[in-house]
Amino acid sequence: MADRIPLHPIQEPPYSAIQYEPGTMSAPANEEALREALSGVELGAYDEAILKWMTLWETATVATVCSWLYRVREVDRG
């Protein structure tokens, strides 16, 4: 999934960055994207609650947050 998340400044909503089966809820795909972006980050109970809440957001919004997380990691490495 991470290969579709933009790793550059986003100018338009990245609607196709997180894909899920038509007719299904986007929450599982959103959760997978968020967990991949947070890989290696220890999460507490409240973190988990917020992550679950964010899975209900529009996929383009979740993809943008994931993009920020990936880009911050790149800045931190530099």
PDB file of N, CA and C in Angstrom:
ATOM      1  N   MET A   1       0.808  -1.194   0.000  1.00  0.00           N
ATOM      2  CA  MET A   1       0.000   0.000   0.000  1.00  0.00           C
ATOM      3  C   MET A   1       0.853   1.260   0.000  1.00  0.00           C
ATOM      4  N   ALA A   2       1.949   1.250   0.709  1.00  0.00           N
ATOM      5  CA  ALA A   2       2.789   2.436   0.829  1.00  0.00           C
ATOM      6  C   ALA A   2       3.288   2.933  -0.515  1.00  0.00           C
ATOM      7  N   ASP A   3       3.334   2.080  -1.507  1.00  0.00           N
ATOM      8  CA  ASP A   3       3.856   2.498  -2.803  1.00  0.00           C
ATOM      9  C   ASP A   3       2.929   3.464  -3.524  1.00  0.00           C
ATOM     10  N   ARG A   4       1.681   3.608  -3.082  1.00  0.00           N
ATOM     11  CA  ARG A   4       0.751   4.548  -3.713  1.00  0.00           C
ATOM     12  C   ARG A   4       0.608   5.854  -2.931  1.00  0.00           C
ATOM     13  N   ILE A   5       1.145   5.898  -1.733  1.00  0.00           N
ATOM     14  CA  ILE A   5       1.065   7.120  -0.928  1.00  0.00           C
ATOM     15  C   ILE A   5       2.068   8.134  -1.495  1.00  0.00           C
ATOM     16  N   PRO A   6       1.631   9.354  -1.782  1.00  0.00           N
ATOM     17  CA  PRO A   6       2.552  10.361  -2.317  1.00  0.00           C
ATOM     18  C   PRO A   6       3.679  10.671  -1.331  1.00  0.00           C
ATOM     19  N   LEU A   7       4.870  10.772  -1.842  1.00  0.00           N
ATOM     20  CA  LEU A   7       6.043  11.104  -1.013  1.00  0.00           C
ATOM     21  C   LEU A   7       6.571  12.487  -1.359  1.00  0.00           C
ATOM     22  N   HIS A   8       5.692  13.345  -1.793  1.00  0.00           N
ATOM     23  CA  HIS A   8       6.028  14.709  -2.204  1.00  0.00           C
ATOM     24  C   HIS A   8       4.881  15.623  -1.778  1.00  0.00           C
ATOM     25  N   PRO A   9       5.081  16.937  -1.826  1.00  0.00           N
ATOM     26  CA  PRO A   9       3.979  17.836  -1.487  1.00  0.00           C
ATOM     27  C   PRO A   9       2.759  17.542  -2.374  1.00  0.00           C
ATOM     28  N   ILE A  10       1.607  17.514  -1.764  1.00  0.00           N
ATOM     29  CA  ILE A  10       0.374  17.119  -2.446  1.00  0.00           C
ATOM     30  C   ILE A  10      -0.397  18.366  -2.875  1.00  0.00           C
ATOM     31  N   GLN A  11      -0.734  18.422  -4.147  1.00  0.00           N
ATOM     32  CA  GLN A  11      -1.454  19.574  -4.691  1.00  0.00           C
ATOM     33  C   GLN A  11      -2.948  19.285  -4.895  1.00  0.00           C
ATOM     34  N   GLU A  12      -3.304  18.024  -5.061  1.00  0.00           N
ATOM     35  CA  GLU A  12      -4.687  17.601  -5.284  1.00  0.00           C
ATOM     36  C   GLU A  12      -4.990  16.429  -4.343  1.00  0.00           C
ATOM     37  N   PRO A  13      -6.236  16.246  -3.953  1.00  0.00           N
ATOM     38  CA  PRO A  13      -6.563  15.126  -3.073  1.00  0.00           C
ATOM     39  C   PRO A  13      -6.127  13.787  -3.686  1.00  0.00           C
ATOM     40  N   PRO A  14      -5.348  12.997  -2.961  1.00  0.00           N
ATOM     41  CA  PRO A  14      -4.873  11.722  -3.494  1.00  0.00           C
ATOM     42  C   PRO A  14      -5.910  10.604  -3.337  1.00  0.00           C
ATOM     43  N   TYR A  15      -7.012  10.736  -4.065  1.00  0.00           N
ATOM     44  CA  TYR A  15      -8.132   9.793  -3.922  1.00  0.00           C
ATOM     45  C   TYR A  15      -7.753   8.353  -4.225  1.00  0.00           C
ATOM     46  N   SER A  16      -6.828   8.127  -5.133  1.00  0.00           N
ATOM     47  CA  SER A  16      -6.508   6.746  -5.523  1.00  0.00           C
ATOM     48  C   SER A  16      -5.340   6.152  -4.732  1.00  0.00           C
ATOM     49  N   ALA A  17      -4.820   6.885  -3.758  1.00  0.00           N
ATOM     50  CA  ALA A  17      -3.657   6.402  -3.005  1.00  0.00           C
ATOM     51  C   ALA A  17      -3.988   5.207  -2.118  1.00  0.00           C
ATOM     52  N   ILE A  18      -5.192   5.178  -1.584  1.00  0.00           N
ATOM     53  CA  ILE A  18      -5.634   4.061  -0.750  1.00  0.00           C
ATOM     54  C   ILE A  18      -6.808   3.420  -1.469  1.00  0.00           C
ATOM     55  N   GLN A  19      -6.593   2.207  -1.914  1.00  0.00           N
ATOM     56  CA  GLN A  19      -7.636   1.532  -2.688  1.00  0.00           C
ATOM     57  C   GLN A  19      -8.310   0.448  -1.853  1.00  0.00           C
ATOM     58  N   TYR A  20      -9.583   0.283  -2.097  1.00  0.00           N
ATOM     59  CA  TYR A  20     -10.357  -0.760  -1.426  1.00  0.00           C
ATOM     60  C   TYR A  20     -11.435  -1.246  -2.383  1.00  0.00           C
ATOM     61  N   GLU A  21     -11.974  -2.397  -2.090  1.00  0.00           N
ATOM     62  CA  GLU A  21     -12.970  -3.018  -2.964  1.00  0.00           C
ATOM     63  C   GLU A  21     -14.249  -2.183  -3.012  1.00  0.00           C
ATOM     64  N   PRO A  22     -14.753  -1.919  -4.216  1.00  0.00           N
ATOM     65  CA  PRO A  22     -16.033  -1.211  -4.313  1.00  0.00           C
ATOM     66  C   PRO A  22     -17.112  -1.960  -3.534  1.00  0.00           C
ATOM     67  N   GLY A  23     -17.962  -1.210  -2.882  1.00  0.00           N
ATOM     68  CA  GLY A  23     -19.041  -1.810  -2.106  1.00  0.00           C
ATOM     69  C   GLY A  23     -18.636  -2.208  -0.698  1.00  0.00           C
ATOM     70  N   THR A  24     -17.361  -1.983  -0.349  1.00  0.00           N
ATOM     71  CA  THR A  24     -16.905  -2.285   1.006  1.00  0.00           C
ATOM     72  C   THR A  24     -16.550  -0.978   1.705  1.00  0.00           C
ATOM     73  N   MET A  25     -16.335  -1.072   2.987  1.00  0.00           N
ATOM     74  CA  MET A  25     -15.932   0.114   3.748  1.00  0.00           C
ATOM     75  C   MET A  25     -14.448   0.384   3.540  1.00  0.00           C
ATOM     76  N   SER A  26     -14.073   1.640   3.579  1.00  0.00           N
ATOM     77  CA  SER A  26     -12.670   2.013   3.401  1.00  0.00           C
ATOM     78  C   SER A  26     -11.869   1.874   4.687  1.00  0.00           C
ATOM     79  N   ALA A  27     -12.530   1.707   5.828  1.00  0.00           N
ATOM     80  CA  ALA A  27     -11.827   1.679   7.117  1.00  0.00           C
ATOM     81  C   ALA A  27     -10.706   0.647   7.184  1.00  0.00           C
ATOM     82  N   PRO A  28     -10.890  -0.600   6.741  1.00  0.00           N
ATOM     83  CA  PRO A  28      -9.779  -1.550   6.810  1.00  0.00           C
ATOM     84  C   PRO A  28      -8.566  -1.112   5.974  1.00  0.00           C
ATOM     85  N   ALA A  29      -8.814  -0.573   4.797  1.00  0.00           N
ATOM     86  CA  ALA A  29      -7.703  -0.099   3.960  1.00  0.00           C
ATOM     87  C   ALA A  29      -7.040   1.121   4.591  1.00  0.00           C
ATOM     88  N   ASN A  30      -7.842   2.015   5.163  1.00  0.00           N
ATOM     89  CA  ASN A  30      -7.284   3.177   5.856  1.00  0.00           C
ATOM     90  C   ASN A  30      -6.419   2.740   7.035  1.00  0.00           C
ATOM     91  N   GLU A  31      -6.908   1.750   7.787  1.00  0.00           N
ATOM     92  CA  GLU A  31      -6.137   1.260   8.937  1.00  0.00           C
ATOM     93  C   GLU A  31      -4.808   0.655   8.486  1.00  0.00           C
ATOM     94  N   GLU A  32      -4.848  -0.127   7.427  1.00  0.00           N
ATOM     95  CA  GLU A  32      -3.612  -0.722   6.912  1.00  0.00           C
ATOM     96  C   GLU A  32      -2.613   0.368   6.506  1.00  0.00           C
ATOM     97  N   ALA A  33      -3.093   1.399   5.822  1.00  0.00           N
ATOM     98  CA  ALA A  33      -2.214   2.487   5.397  1.00  0.00           C
ATOM     99  C   ALA A  33      -1.615   3.215   6.595  1.00  0.00           C
ATOM    100  N   LEU A  34      -2.437   3.510   7.588  1.00  0.00           N
ATOM    101  CA  LEU A  34      -1.939   4.199   8.779  1.00  0.00           C
ATOM    102  C   LEU A  34      -0.924   3.351   9.537  1.00  0.00           C
ATOM    103  N   ARG A  35      -1.223   2.071   9.699  1.00  0.00           N
ATOM    104  CA  ARG A  35      -0.289   1.198  10.421  1.00  0.00           C
ATOM    105  C   ARG A  35       1.036   1.063   9.681  1.00  0.00           C
ATOM    106  N   GLU A  36       1.001   1.014   8.357  1.00  0.00           N
ATOM    107  CA  GLU A  36       2.247   0.961   7.593  1.00  0.00           C
ATOM    108  C   GLU A  36       3.040   2.254   7.793  1.00  0.00           C
ATOM    109  N   ALA A  37       2.360   3.389   7.744  1.00  0.00           N
ATOM    110  CA  ALA A  37       3.046   4.672   7.918  1.00  0.00           C
ATOM    111  C   ALA A  37       3.609   4.820   9.330  1.00  0.00           C
ATOM    112  N   LEU A  38       2.980   4.172  10.306  1.00  0.00           N
ATOM    113  CA  LEU A  38       3.425   4.233  11.700  1.00  0.00           C
ATOM    114  C   LEU A  38       4.296   3.045  12.099  1.00  0.00           C
ATOM    115  N   SER A  39       4.705   2.261  11.140  1.00  0.00           N
ATOM    116  CA  SER A  39       5.522   1.079  11.418  1.00  0.00           C
ATOM    117  C   SER A  39       6.721   1.439  12.294  1.00  0.00           C
ATOM    118  N   GLY A  40       6.887   0.687  13.367  1.00  0.00           N
ATOM    119  CA  GLY A  40       7.999   0.916  14.279  1.00  0.00           C
ATOM    120  C   GLY A  40       7.694   1.902  15.394  1.00  0.00           C
ATOM    121  N   VAL A  41       6.537   2.541  15.337  1.00  0.00           N
ATOM    122  CA  VAL A  41       6.143   3.511  16.363  1.00  0.00           C
ATOM    123  C   VAL A  41       5.290   2.787  17.404  1.00  0.00           C
ATOM    124  N   GLU A  42       5.702   2.862  18.654  1.00  0.00           N
ATOM    125  CA  GLU A  42       4.941   2.235  19.730  1.00  0.00           C
ATOM    126  C   GLU A  42       3.669   3.044  19.982  1.00  0.00           C
ATOM    127  N   LEU A  43       2.538   2.351  20.047  1.00  0.00           N
ATOM    128  CA  LEU A  43       1.255   3.020  20.251  1.00  0.00           C
ATOM    129  C   LEU A  43       0.650   2.605  21.582  1.00  0.00           C
ATOM    130  N   GLY A  44       0.100   3.584  22.284  1.00  0.00           N
ATOM    131  CA  GLY A  44      -0.615   3.321  23.525  1.00  0.00           C
ATOM    132  C   GLY A  44      -2.100   3.162  23.251  1.00  0.00           C
ATOM    133  N   ALA A  45      -2.862   2.966  24.297  1.00  0.00           N
ATOM    134  CA  ALA A  45      -4.302   2.746  24.165  1.00  0.00           C
ATOM    135  C   ALA A  45      -5.002   3.933  23.507  1.00  0.00           C
ATOM    136  N   TYR A  46      -4.633   5.150  23.904  1.00  0.00           N
ATOM    137  CA  TYR A  46      -5.265   6.322  23.299  1.00  0.00           C
ATOM    138  C   TYR A  46      -4.831   6.481  21.847  1.00  0.00           C
ATOM    139  N   ASP A  47      -3.563   6.198  21.566  1.00  0.00           N
ATOM    140  CA  ASP A  47      -3.091   6.222  20.178  1.00  0.00           C
ATOM    141  C   ASP A  47      -3.941   5.285  19.322  1.00  0.00           C
ATOM    142  N   GLU A  48      -4.187   4.083  19.827  1.00  0.00           N
ATOM    143  CA  GLU A  48      -4.986   3.094  19.101  1.00  0.00           C
ATOM    144  C   GLU A  48      -6.418   3.603  18.878  1.00  0.00           C
ATOM    145  N   ALA A  49      -6.976   4.249  19.884  1.00  0.00           N
ATOM    146  CA  ALA A  49      -8.331   4.781  19.756  1.00  0.00           C
ATOM    147  C   ALA A  49      -8.393   5.849  18.661  1.00  0.00           C
ATOM    148  N   ILE A  50      -7.404   6.719  18.628  1.00  0.00           N
ATOM    149  CA  ILE A  50      -7.368   7.768  17.606  1.00  0.00           C
ATOM    150  C   ILE A  50      -7.138   7.160  16.234  1.00  0.00           C
ATOM    151  N   LEU A  51      -6.260   6.163  16.151  1.00  0.00           N
ATOM    152  CA  LEU A  51      -6.023   5.483  14.876  1.00  0.00           C
ATOM    153  C   LEU A  51      -7.337   4.888  14.356  1.00  0.00           C
ATOM    154  N   LYS A  52      -8.089   4.214  15.223  1.00  0.00           N
ATOM    155  CA  LYS A  52      -9.373   3.627  14.819  1.00  0.00           C
ATOM    156  C   LYS A  52     -10.345   4.711  14.344  1.00  0.00           C
ATOM    157  N   TRP A  53     -10.365   5.846  15.034  1.00  0.00           N
ATOM    158  CA  TRP A  53     -11.226   6.951  14.639  1.00  0.00           C
ATOM    159  C   TRP A  53     -10.818   7.472  13.261  1.00  0.00           C
ATOM    160  N   MET A  54      -9.519   7.600  13.042  1.00  0.00           N
ATOM    161  CA  MET A  54      -9.034   8.110  11.761  1.00  0.00           C
ATOM    162  C   MET A  54      -9.348   7.169  10.599  1.00  0.00           C
ATOM    163  N   THR A  55      -9.552   5.895  10.868  1.00  0.00           N
ATOM    164  CA  THR A  55      -9.871   4.971   9.778  1.00  0.00           C
ATOM    165  C   THR A  55     -11.207   5.314   9.135  1.00  0.00           C
ATOM    166  N   LEU A  56     -12.037   6.073   9.829  1.00  0.00           N
ATOM    167  CA  LEU A  56     -13.336   6.471   9.304  1.00  0.00           C
ATOM    168  C   LEU A  56     -13.263   7.729   8.440  1.00  0.00           C
ATOM    169  N   TRP A  57     -12.097   8.339   8.382  1.00  0.00           N
ATOM    170  CA  TRP A  57     -11.914   9.532   7.557  1.00  0.00           C
ATOM    171  C   TRP A  57     -11.910   9.161   6.077  1.00  0.00           C
ATOM    172  N   GLU A  58     -12.103  10.149   5.236  1.00  0.00           N
ATOM    173  CA  GLU A  58     -12.021   9.970   3.792  1.00  0.00           C
ATOM    174  C   GLU A  58     -10.621   9.476   3.420  1.00  0.00           C
ATOM    175  N   THR A  59     -10.542   8.595   2.446  1.00  0.00           N
ATOM    176  CA  THR A  59      -9.251   7.998   2.080  1.00  0.00           C
ATOM    177  C   THR A  59      -8.218   9.046   1.664  1.00  0.00           C
ATOM    178  N   ALA A  60      -8.631  10.100   0.988  1.00  0.00           N
ATOM    179  CA  ALA A  60      -7.673  11.123   0.564  1.00  0.00           C
ATOM    180  C   ALA A  60      -7.065  11.828   1.778  1.00  0.00           C
ATOM    181  N   THR A  61      -7.842  12.006   2.824  1.00  0.00           N
ATOM    182  CA  THR A  61      -7.332  12.641   4.046  1.00  0.00           C
ATOM    183  C   THR A  61      -6.348  11.714   4.748  1.00  0.00           C
ATOM    184  N   VAL A  62      -6.704  10.442   4.860  1.00  0.00           N
ATOM    185  CA  VAL A  62      -5.804   9.466   5.488  1.00  0.00           C
ATOM    186  C   VAL A  62      -4.511   9.354   4.679  1.00  0.00           C
ATOM    187  N   ALA A  63      -4.616   9.331   3.370  1.00  0.00           N
ATOM    188  CA  ALA A  63      -3.421   9.252   2.523  1.00  0.00           C
ATOM    189  C   ALA A  63      -2.523  10.464   2.719  1.00  0.00           C
ATOM    190  N   THR A  64      -3.113  11.629   2.919  1.00  0.00           N
ATOM    191  CA  THR A  64      -2.328  12.839   3.151  1.00  0.00           C
ATOM    192  C   THR A  64      -1.591  12.756   4.489  1.00  0.00           C
ATOM    193  N   VAL A  65      -2.273  12.294   5.532  1.00  0.00           N
ATOM    194  CA  VAL A  65      -1.621  12.130   6.838  1.00  0.00           C
ATOM    195  C   VAL A  65      -0.484  11.113   6.719  1.00  0.00           C
ATOM    196  N   CYS A  66      -0.727  10.006   6.034  1.00  0.00           N
ATOM    197  CA  CYS A  66       0.331   9.002   5.832  1.00  0.00           C
ATOM    198  C   CYS A  66       1.509   9.609   5.082  1.00  0.00           C
ATOM    199  N   SER A  67       1.217  10.404   4.077  1.00  0.00           N
ATOM    200  CA  SER A  67       2.277  11.068   3.313  1.00  0.00           C
ATOM    201  C   SER A  67       3.130  11.946   4.222  1.00  0.00           C
ATOM    202  N   TRP A  68       2.484  12.689   5.114  1.00  0.00           N
ATOM    203  CA  TRP A  68       3.237  13.519   6.066  1.00  0.00           C
ATOM    204  C   TRP A  68       4.165  12.663   6.910  1.00  0.00           C
ATOM    205  N   LEU A  69       3.639  11.538   7.410  1.00  0.00           N
ATOM    206  CA  LEU A  69       4.449  10.667   8.268  1.00  0.00           C
ATOM    207  C   LEU A  69       5.672  10.148   7.523  1.00  0.00           C
ATOM    208  N   TYR A  70       5.470   9.681   6.296  1.00  0.00           N
ATOM    209  CA  TYR A  70       6.604   9.191   5.498  1.00  0.00           C
ATOM    210  C   TYR A  70       7.602  10.307   5.212  1.00  0.00           C
ATOM    211  N   ARG A  71       7.105  11.500   4.876  1.00  0.00           N
ATOM    212  CA  ARG A  71       8.006  12.610   4.564  1.00  0.00           C
ATOM    213  C   ARG A  71       8.770  13.090   5.777  1.00  0.00           C
ATOM    214  N   VAL A  72       8.128  13.080   6.951  1.00  0.00           N
ATOM    215  CA  VAL A  72       8.822  13.462   8.195  1.00  0.00           C
ATOM    216  C   VAL A  72       9.964  12.489   8.471  1.00  0.00           C
ATOM    217  N   ARG A  73       9.720  11.222   8.222  1.00  0.00           N
ATOM    218  CA  ARG A  73      10.792  10.229   8.428  1.00  0.00           C
ATOM    219  C   ARG A  73      11.985  10.524   7.517  1.00  0.00           C
ATOM    220  N   GLU A  74      11.695  10.934   6.286  1.00  0.00           N
ATOM    221  CA  GLU A  74      12.781  11.262   5.351  1.00  0.00           C
ATOM    222  C   GLU A  74      13.552  12.491   5.827  1.00  0.00           C
ATOM    223  N   VAL A  75      12.858  13.491   6.336  1.00  0.00           N
ATOM    224  CA  VAL A  75      13.526  14.678   6.864  1.00  0.00           C
ATOM    225  C   VAL A  75      14.388  14.293   8.048  1.00  0.00           C
ATOM    226  N   ASP A  76      13.868  13.454   8.911  1.00  0.00           N
ATOM    227  CA  ASP A  76      14.599  13.024  10.099  1.00  0.00           C
ATOM    228  C   ASP A  76      15.889  12.270   9.716  1.00  0.00           C
ATOM    229  N   ARG A  77      15.820  11.498   8.627  1.00  0.00           N
ATOM    230  CA  ARG A  77      17.000  10.758   8.172  1.00  0.00           C
ATOM    231  C   ARG A  77      18.059  11.682   7.592  1.00  0.00           C
ATOM    232  N   GLY A  78      17.592  12.809   7.028  1.00  0.00           N
ATOM    233  CA  GLY A  78      18.512  13.733   6.349  1.00  0.00           C
ATOM    234  C   GLY A  78      19.229  14.568   7.319  1.00  0.00           C
TER     235      GLY A  78
END
